Each structure stands twice: as structure tokens, then as C-alpha cells.
């Protein structure tokens, strides 16, 4: 939540906050290539399009899928505090 607060007050960019979150708050760290995926998922959910698919980086799959619904990406990456809507 602190990182989202820093984004909201303009102290850091969303991409930087997501990079820190994915690489520091997960073990093993989620690769930086997934930062745009996380941002896309957040944007879709905030637009009430959480069921829309988010495409993963080339050659990457999660559970054999190359695209997942935005809500699923947010759940897997623990993006709750970055989402403007009600918590997941």
C-alpha cells in the first residue's frame, strides 16, 4: 500500500512501484518483463474490464496459458493495493 500511496502523491511512477513490488515482494521474484502485464491488468480492472485477457510476454505462460483474465493476473501478482476498485 505504501508504494501505491507514493504513486498517488507523484513521488514515483507506477512502473517503478510495480517493478519493486514484483521483484521484492515475491519469492521467487517475478521477472521485470511482467511489469507491463501487471500495469495492463490494473488498468483493465480499474476500467471494469477485469474479465478481459492480458497477454503475457512472448514465450511466457502461466499454467500453460499465454493470456489470462486481468483479475487472475492481479490475484497471482498480489496487485490488490494498486487497484482502485474494491479489493480482490
Protein backbone atom coordinates (compact mmCIF):
# COMPACT_ATOMS: atom_id res chain seq x y z
CA UNK A 1 0.00 0.00 0.00
CA UNK A 2 2.89 2.36 0.67
CA UNK A 3 4.08 2.11 -2.93
CA UNK A 4 0.60 2.92 -4.26
CA UNK A 5 0.48 5.92 -1.91
CA UNK A 6 3.81 7.13 -3.31
CA UNK A 7 2.45 6.76 -6.85
CA UNK A 8 -0.71 8.68 -5.92
CA UNK A 9 1.27 11.58 -4.50
CA UNK A 10 3.56 11.66 -7.54
CA UNK A 11 6.75 10.62 -5.76
CA UNK A 12 7.35 7.62 -8.05
CA UNK A 13 5.99 6.31 -11.33
CA UNK A 14 3.63 3.34 -11.42
CA UNK A 15 6.12 1.28 -13.45
CA UNK A 16 8.78 1.77 -10.77
CA UNK A 17 6.38 0.81 -7.99
CA UNK A 18 5.29 -2.31 -9.88
CA UNK A 19 8.89 -3.27 -10.63
CA UNK A 20 9.75 -3.00 -6.95
CA UNK A 21 6.61 -4.92 -5.92
CA UNK A 22 7.11 -7.79 -8.36
CA UNK A 23 10.82 -8.23 -7.71
CA UNK A 24 10.88 -7.56 -3.95
CA UNK A 25 7.56 -8.82 -2.62
CA UNK A 26 7.60 -12.21 -4.35
CA UNK A 27 9.77 -15.26 -3.96
CA UNK A 28 10.95 -16.16 -6.39
CA UNK A 29 10.84 -12.66 -7.84
CA UNK A 30 8.53 -12.11 -10.78
CA UNK A 31 10.68 -11.03 -13.77
CA UNK A 32 10.64 -7.36 -14.76
CA UNK A 33 9.19 -8.37 -18.15
CA UNK A 34 5.88 -8.79 -16.29
CA UNK A 35 5.67 -5.14 -15.15
CA UNK A 36 3.67 -4.10 -18.28
CA UNK A 37 1.45 -7.16 -17.74
CA UNK A 38 0.71 -6.03 -14.18
CA UNK A 39 0.02 -2.48 -15.33
CA UNK A 40 -2.30 -3.71 -18.08
CA UNK A 41 -4.21 -5.87 -15.59
CA UNK A 42 -4.60 -2.95 -13.18
CA UNK A 43 -5.83 -0.65 -15.95
CA UNK A 44 -8.37 -3.20 -17.19
CA UNK A 45 -9.73 -3.83 -13.70
CA UNK A 46 -9.97 -0.09 -12.97
CA UNK A 47 -11.99 0.24 -16.20
CA UNK A 48 -14.27 -2.60 -15.01
CA UNK A 49 -12.83 -4.89 -17.69
CA UNK A 50 -11.31 -7.43 -15.32
CA UNK A 51 -12.53 -10.39 -17.35
CA UNK A 52 -10.57 -9.19 -20.40
CA UNK A 53 -7.44 -11.15 -21.24
CA UNK A 54 -3.95 -9.81 -20.58
CA UNK A 55 -1.28 -11.23 -22.87
CA UNK A 56 1.93 -12.43 -21.23
CA UNK A 57 5.40 -11.63 -22.61
CA UNK A 58 6.47 -13.67 -25.65
CA UNK A 59 7.33 -17.23 -24.73
CA UNK A 60 5.88 -16.98 -21.21
CA UNK A 61 2.99 -18.99 -19.89
CA UNK A 62 1.21 -19.34 -16.57
CA UNK A 63 -0.37 -22.73 -16.06
CA UNK A 64 0.10 -23.34 -19.79
CA UNK A 65 -1.78 -20.17 -20.81
CA UNK A 66 -0.23 -17.28 -22.75
CA UNK A 67 -3.02 -14.89 -21.69
CA UNK A 68 -5.12 -14.71 -18.53
CA UNK A 69 -8.04 -12.57 -17.33
CA UNK A 70 -6.90 -9.34 -15.68
CA UNK A 71 -8.44 -10.40 -12.35
CA UNK A 72 -6.38 -13.60 -12.39
CA UNK A 73 -3.16 -11.69 -13.12
CA UNK A 74 -3.96 -9.32 -10.24
CA UNK A 75 -4.61 -12.24 -7.90
CA UNK A 76 -1.41 -14.07 -8.84
CA UNK A 77 0.72 -10.92 -8.58
CA UNK A 78 -0.96 -9.61 -5.42
CA UNK A 79 -1.89 -6.29 -7.03
CA UNK A 80 -4.79 -5.50 -4.67
CA UNK A 81 -3.34 -2.26 -3.32
CA UNK A 82 -2.80 -0.88 -6.83
CA UNK A 83 -6.44 -1.33 -7.84
CA UNK A 84 -8.93 1.50 -7.38
CA UNK A 85 -11.97 -0.79 -7.09
CA UNK A 86 -12.89 -3.00 -4.16
CA UNK A 87 -10.17 -5.47 -3.07
CA UNK A 88 -9.85 -8.80 -4.88
